[in-house]
Amino acid sequence: MGMKTGLVVGFGIGYVLGSRAGRQRYEELQAWWGRLSGSPAMQKAADNAKSLAGGAGRKGMEAVQGGVTKVAGAVKNRLGDEGSGTEYAVGT
């Protein structure tokens, strides 16, 4: 969902919650939202957003796992070097 869409949805929610137009206007808005959210175009947009978010989450997790693997390798190499008789001075 883009920034503009989020702004429109937020404005609509604020209007409904803060409206003093009465019960009839509230019911009209509720019926409009039901038609909009039930429309095939809206369902498709929601499904697309879910798949994009899932793909981004997977890519992020792969990046984290790659970083952890690199750090683990570096630690193993460092520990391996220290175990071979090479001493490192601490604090000098």
N, C-alpha and C. Protein backbone atom coordinates (compact mmCIF):
# COMPACT_ATOMS: atom_id res chain seq x y z
N MET A 1 0.86 -1.17 0.00
CA MET A 1 0.00 0.00 0.00
C MET A 1 0.90 1.23 0.00
N GLY A 2 0.61 2.17 -0.89
CA GLY A 2 1.44 3.35 -0.99
C GLY A 2 1.09 4.39 0.06
N MET A 3 1.91 5.41 0.08
CA MET A 3 1.72 6.49 1.05
C MET A 3 0.38 7.18 0.85
N LYS A 4 0.00 7.44 -0.41
CA LYS A 4 -1.27 8.12 -0.68
C LYS A 4 -2.45 7.27 -0.26
N THR A 5 -2.38 5.97 -0.54
CA THR A 5 -3.48 5.08 -0.17
C THR A 5 -3.63 5.03 1.34
N GLY A 6 -2.51 4.93 2.03
CA GLY A 6 -2.54 4.92 3.50
C GLY A 6 -3.13 6.20 4.06
N LEU A 7 -2.80 7.31 3.43
CA LEU A 7 -3.33 8.60 3.86
C LEU A 7 -4.84 8.65 3.66
N VAL A 8 -5.31 8.17 2.51
CA VAL A 8 -6.75 8.16 2.22
C VAL A 8 -7.49 7.26 3.21
N VAL A 9 -6.93 6.07 3.46
CA VAL A 9 -7.57 5.15 4.41
C VAL A 9 -7.60 5.76 5.80
N GLY A 10 -6.48 6.37 6.21
CA GLY A 10 -6.42 7.01 7.53
C GLY A 10 -7.42 8.16 7.65
N PHE A 11 -7.54 8.95 6.58
CA PHE A 11 -8.50 10.04 6.58
C PHE A 11 -9.92 9.50 6.71
N GLY A 12 -10.20 8.42 5.95
CA GLY A 12 -11.54 7.83 6.00
C GLY A 12 -11.88 7.29 7.38
N ILE A 13 -10.93 6.62 8.00
CA ILE A 13 -11.15 6.09 9.35
C ILE A 13 -11.37 7.24 10.33
N GLY A 14 -10.56 8.27 10.22
CA GLY A 14 -10.72 9.43 11.10
C GLY A 14 -12.07 10.11 10.92
N TYR A 15 -12.50 10.18 9.67
CA TYR A 15 -13.79 10.81 9.39
C TYR A 15 -14.93 10.01 10.02
N VAL A 16 -14.85 8.68 9.84
CA VAL A 16 -15.92 7.83 10.38
C VAL A 16 -15.95 7.92 11.90
N LEU A 17 -14.76 7.83 12.51
CA LEU A 17 -14.72 7.85 13.98
C LEU A 17 -15.09 9.21 14.55
N GLY A 18 -14.74 10.27 13.85
CA GLY A 18 -15.00 11.61 14.37
C GLY A 18 -16.23 12.28 13.80
N SER A 19 -16.94 11.58 12.95
CA SER A 19 -18.09 12.18 12.26
C SER A 19 -19.24 12.46 13.21
N ARG A 20 -19.87 13.59 12.95
CA ARG A 20 -21.08 13.94 13.69
C ARG A 20 -22.27 13.96 12.74
N ALA A 21 -22.11 13.23 11.63
CA ALA A 21 -23.14 13.25 10.60
C ALA A 21 -24.33 12.37 10.95
N GLY A 22 -24.20 11.55 11.95
CA GLY A 22 -25.33 10.73 12.39
C GLY A 22 -25.26 9.31 11.89
N ARG A 23 -26.19 8.53 12.35
CA ARG A 23 -26.23 7.10 12.08
C ARG A 23 -26.41 6.80 10.59
N GLN A 24 -27.23 7.58 9.91
CA GLN A 24 -27.49 7.32 8.49
C GLN A 24 -26.20 7.46 7.68
N ARG A 25 -25.43 8.52 7.92
CA ARG A 25 -24.18 8.71 7.18
C ARG A 25 -23.18 7.60 7.52
N TYR A 26 -23.14 7.21 8.78
CA TYR A 26 -22.26 6.12 9.20
C TYR A 26 -22.60 4.83 8.44
N GLU A 27 -23.88 4.52 8.34
CA GLU A 27 -24.31 3.32 7.63
C GLU A 27 -23.99 3.40 6.14
N GLU A 28 -24.11 4.61 5.55
CA GLU A 28 -23.73 4.79 4.15
C GLU A 28 -22.24 4.52 3.95
N LEU A 29 -21.44 5.07 4.84
CA LEU A 29 -19.98 4.86 4.75
C LEU A 29 -19.62 3.39 4.95
N GLN A 30 -20.29 2.75 5.89
CA GLN A 30 -20.03 1.34 6.15
C GLN A 30 -20.39 0.49 4.94
N ALA A 31 -21.50 0.78 4.30
CA ALA A 31 -21.90 0.05 3.09
C ALA A 31 -20.91 0.30 1.96
N TRP A 32 -20.45 1.55 1.81
CA TRP A 32 -19.46 1.88 0.78
C TRP A 32 -18.17 1.10 1.01
N TRP A 33 -17.72 1.04 2.27
CA TRP A 33 -16.48 0.32 2.58
C TRP A 33 -16.66 -1.18 2.30
N GLY A 34 -17.82 -1.70 2.61
CA GLY A 34 -18.08 -3.12 2.33
C GLY A 34 -18.00 -3.42 0.84
N ARG A 35 -18.57 -2.54 0.03
CA ARG A 35 -18.48 -2.73 -1.43
C ARG A 35 -17.04 -2.60 -1.92
N LEU A 36 -16.33 -1.63 -1.40
CA LEU A 36 -14.94 -1.40 -1.82
C LEU A 36 -14.04 -2.56 -1.41
N SER A 37 -14.11 -2.96 -0.15
CA SER A 37 -13.22 -4.01 0.34
C SER A 37 -13.58 -5.37 -0.24
N GLY A 38 -14.81 -5.56 -0.67
CA GLY A 38 -15.21 -6.82 -1.27
C GLY A 38 -14.99 -6.89 -2.77
N SER A 39 -14.56 -5.79 -3.37
CA SER A 39 -14.40 -5.77 -4.82
C SER A 39 -13.19 -6.62 -5.24
N PRO A 40 -13.28 -7.25 -6.41
CA PRO A 40 -12.16 -8.06 -6.90
C PRO A 40 -10.87 -7.27 -7.06
N ALA A 41 -10.97 -6.01 -7.46
CA ALA A 41 -9.76 -5.19 -7.62
C ALA A 41 -9.07 -4.98 -6.27
N MET A 42 -9.85 -4.72 -5.23
CA MET A 42 -9.27 -4.51 -3.90
C MET A 42 -8.67 -5.81 -3.37
N GLN A 43 -9.35 -6.93 -3.61
CA GLN A 43 -8.81 -8.22 -3.18
C GLN A 43 -7.49 -8.53 -3.87
N LYS A 44 -7.43 -8.22 -5.16
CA LYS A 44 -6.19 -8.45 -5.92
C LYS A 44 -5.07 -7.56 -5.39
N ALA A 45 -5.38 -6.30 -5.11
CA ALA A 45 -4.38 -5.38 -4.57
C ALA A 45 -3.87 -5.85 -3.21
N ALA A 46 -4.78 -6.35 -2.38
CA ALA A 46 -4.38 -6.86 -1.07
C ALA A 46 -3.50 -8.10 -1.21
N ASP A 47 -3.85 -8.99 -2.12
CA ASP A 47 -3.03 -10.18 -2.35
C ASP A 47 -1.64 -9.81 -2.86
N ASN A 48 -1.59 -8.83 -3.78
CA ASN A 48 -0.30 -8.37 -4.29
C ASN A 48 0.56 -7.78 -3.17
N ALA A 49 -0.05 -7.00 -2.31
CA ALA A 49 0.68 -6.39 -1.19
C ALA A 49 1.22 -7.47 -0.25
N LYS A 50 0.41 -8.49 0.01
CA LYS A 50 0.86 -9.59 0.87
C LYS A 50 2.05 -10.33 0.27
N SER A 51 1.99 -10.60 -1.04
CA SER A 51 3.09 -11.33 -1.67
C SER A 51 4.35 -10.47 -1.72
N LEU A 52 4.21 -9.17 -1.96
CA LEU A 52 5.38 -8.28 -1.94
C LEU A 52 6.01 -8.23 -0.55
N ALA A 53 5.18 -8.14 0.46
CA ALA A 53 5.69 -8.10 1.83
C ALA A 53 6.38 -9.42 2.19
N GLY A 54 5.80 -10.53 1.76
CA GLY A 54 6.41 -11.83 2.03
C GLY A 54 7.75 -11.96 1.34
N GLY A 55 7.84 -11.50 0.10
CA GLY A 55 9.10 -11.55 -0.64
C GLY A 55 10.17 -10.69 0.01
N ALA A 56 9.79 -9.51 0.46
CA ALA A 56 10.74 -8.62 1.12
C ALA A 56 11.21 -9.23 2.44
N GLY A 57 10.30 -9.88 3.14
CA GLY A 57 10.67 -10.54 4.40
C GLY A 57 11.65 -11.66 4.17
N ARG A 58 11.43 -12.44 3.12
CA ARG A 58 12.36 -13.54 2.81
C ARG A 58 13.73 -13.01 2.43
N LYS A 59 13.77 -11.95 1.63
CA LYS A 59 15.06 -11.36 1.24
C LYS A 59 15.79 -10.81 2.46
N GLY A 60 15.06 -10.18 3.35
CA GLY A 60 15.67 -9.66 4.58
C GLY A 60 16.24 -10.77 5.43
N MET A 61 15.50 -11.86 5.56
CA MET A 61 15.97 -12.99 6.36
C MET A 61 17.20 -13.62 5.74
N GLU A 62 17.23 -13.72 4.41
CA GLU A 62 18.41 -14.27 3.74
C GLU A 62 19.63 -13.39 3.98
N ALA A 63 19.43 -12.07 3.97
CA ALA A 63 20.55 -11.15 4.22
C ALA A 63 21.07 -11.31 5.64
N VAL A 64 20.17 -11.45 6.60
CA VAL A 64 20.58 -11.65 7.99
C VAL A 64 21.33 -12.97 8.14
N GLN A 65 20.80 -14.02 7.54
CA GLN A 65 21.47 -15.31 7.64
C GLN A 65 22.85 -15.27 7.00
N GLY A 66 22.98 -14.57 5.88
CA GLY A 66 24.29 -14.43 5.24
C GLY A 66 25.27 -13.69 6.13
N GLY A 67 24.81 -12.64 6.80
CA GLY A 67 25.66 -11.89 7.72
C GLY A 67 26.09 -12.73 8.90
N VAL A 68 25.18 -13.52 9.44
CA VAL A 68 25.51 -14.39 10.57
C VAL A 68 26.54 -15.43 10.15
N THR A 69 26.39 -15.97 8.96
CA THR A 69 27.34 -16.96 8.46
C THR A 69 28.73 -16.34 8.32
N LYS A 70 28.82 -15.12 7.80
CA LYS A 70 30.10 -14.44 7.65
C LYS A 70 30.74 -14.18 9.01
N VAL A 71 29.95 -13.70 9.96
CA VAL A 71 30.49 -13.43 11.30
C VAL A 71 30.96 -14.71 11.95
N ALA A 72 30.18 -15.78 11.82
CA ALA A 72 30.57 -17.05 12.41
C ALA A 72 31.88 -17.54 11.80
N GLY A 73 32.03 -17.39 10.50
CA GLY A 73 33.28 -17.79 9.84
C GLY A 73 34.46 -16.96 10.32
N ALA A 74 34.25 -15.66 10.48
CA ALA A 74 35.32 -14.79 10.96
C ALA A 74 35.73 -15.16 12.38
N VAL A 75 34.77 -15.46 13.22
CA VAL A 75 35.07 -15.86 14.60
C VAL A 75 35.84 -17.17 14.61
N LYS A 76 35.41 -18.12 13.81
CA LYS A 76 36.11 -19.40 13.75
C LYS A 76 37.55 -19.22 13.27
N ASN A 77 37.74 -18.36 12.25
CA ASN A 77 39.08 -18.09 11.77
C ASN A 77 39.94 -17.43 12.84
N ARG A 78 39.38 -16.50 13.55
CA ARG A 78 40.10 -15.79 14.61
C ARG A 78 40.48 -16.75 15.72
N LEU A 79 39.55 -17.59 16.12
CA LEU A 79 39.85 -18.57 17.17
C LEU A 79 40.86 -19.59 16.69
N GLY A 80 40.78 -19.94 15.44
CA GLY A 80 41.75 -20.87 14.88
C GLY A 80 43.14 -20.28 14.87
N ASP A 81 43.27 -18.97 14.55
CA ASP A 81 44.57 -18.30 14.55
C ASP A 81 45.14 -18.23 15.95
N GLU A 82 44.31 -17.95 16.94
CA GLU A 82 44.79 -17.84 18.32
C GLU A 82 45.24 -19.19 18.84
N GLY A 83 44.59 -20.23 18.40
CA GLY A 83 44.95 -21.57 18.87
C GLY A 83 46.24 -22.08 18.26
N SER A 84 46.79 -21.42 17.24
CA SER A 84 47.98 -21.91 16.57
C SER A 84 49.26 -21.38 17.19
N GLY A 85 49.17 -20.71 18.34
CA GLY A 85 50.36 -20.22 19.01
C GLY A 85 50.57 -18.73 18.83
N THR A 86 49.80 -18.08 17.99
CA THR A 86 49.91 -16.64 17.81
C THR A 86 49.19 -15.97 18.96
N GLU A 87 49.90 -15.11 19.69
CA GLU A 87 49.31 -14.40 20.82
C GLU A 87 49.00 -12.97 20.40
N TYR A 88 47.89 -12.43 20.87
CA TYR A 88 47.52 -11.06 20.59
C TYR A 88 47.64 -10.26 21.89
N ALA A 89 48.27 -9.12 21.83
CA ALA A 89 48.38 -8.28 23.01
C ALA A 89 47.09 -7.52 23.18
N VAL A 90 46.55 -7.53 24.38
CA VAL A 90 45.32 -6.84 24.68
C VAL A 90 45.64 -5.51 25.33
N GLY A 91 45.09 -4.44 24.80
CA GLY A 91 45.26 -3.13 25.43
C GLY A 91 46.52 -2.41 25.02
N THR A 92 47.24 -2.85 24.02
CA THR A 92 48.45 -2.12 23.59
C THR A 92 48.26 -1.51 22.24
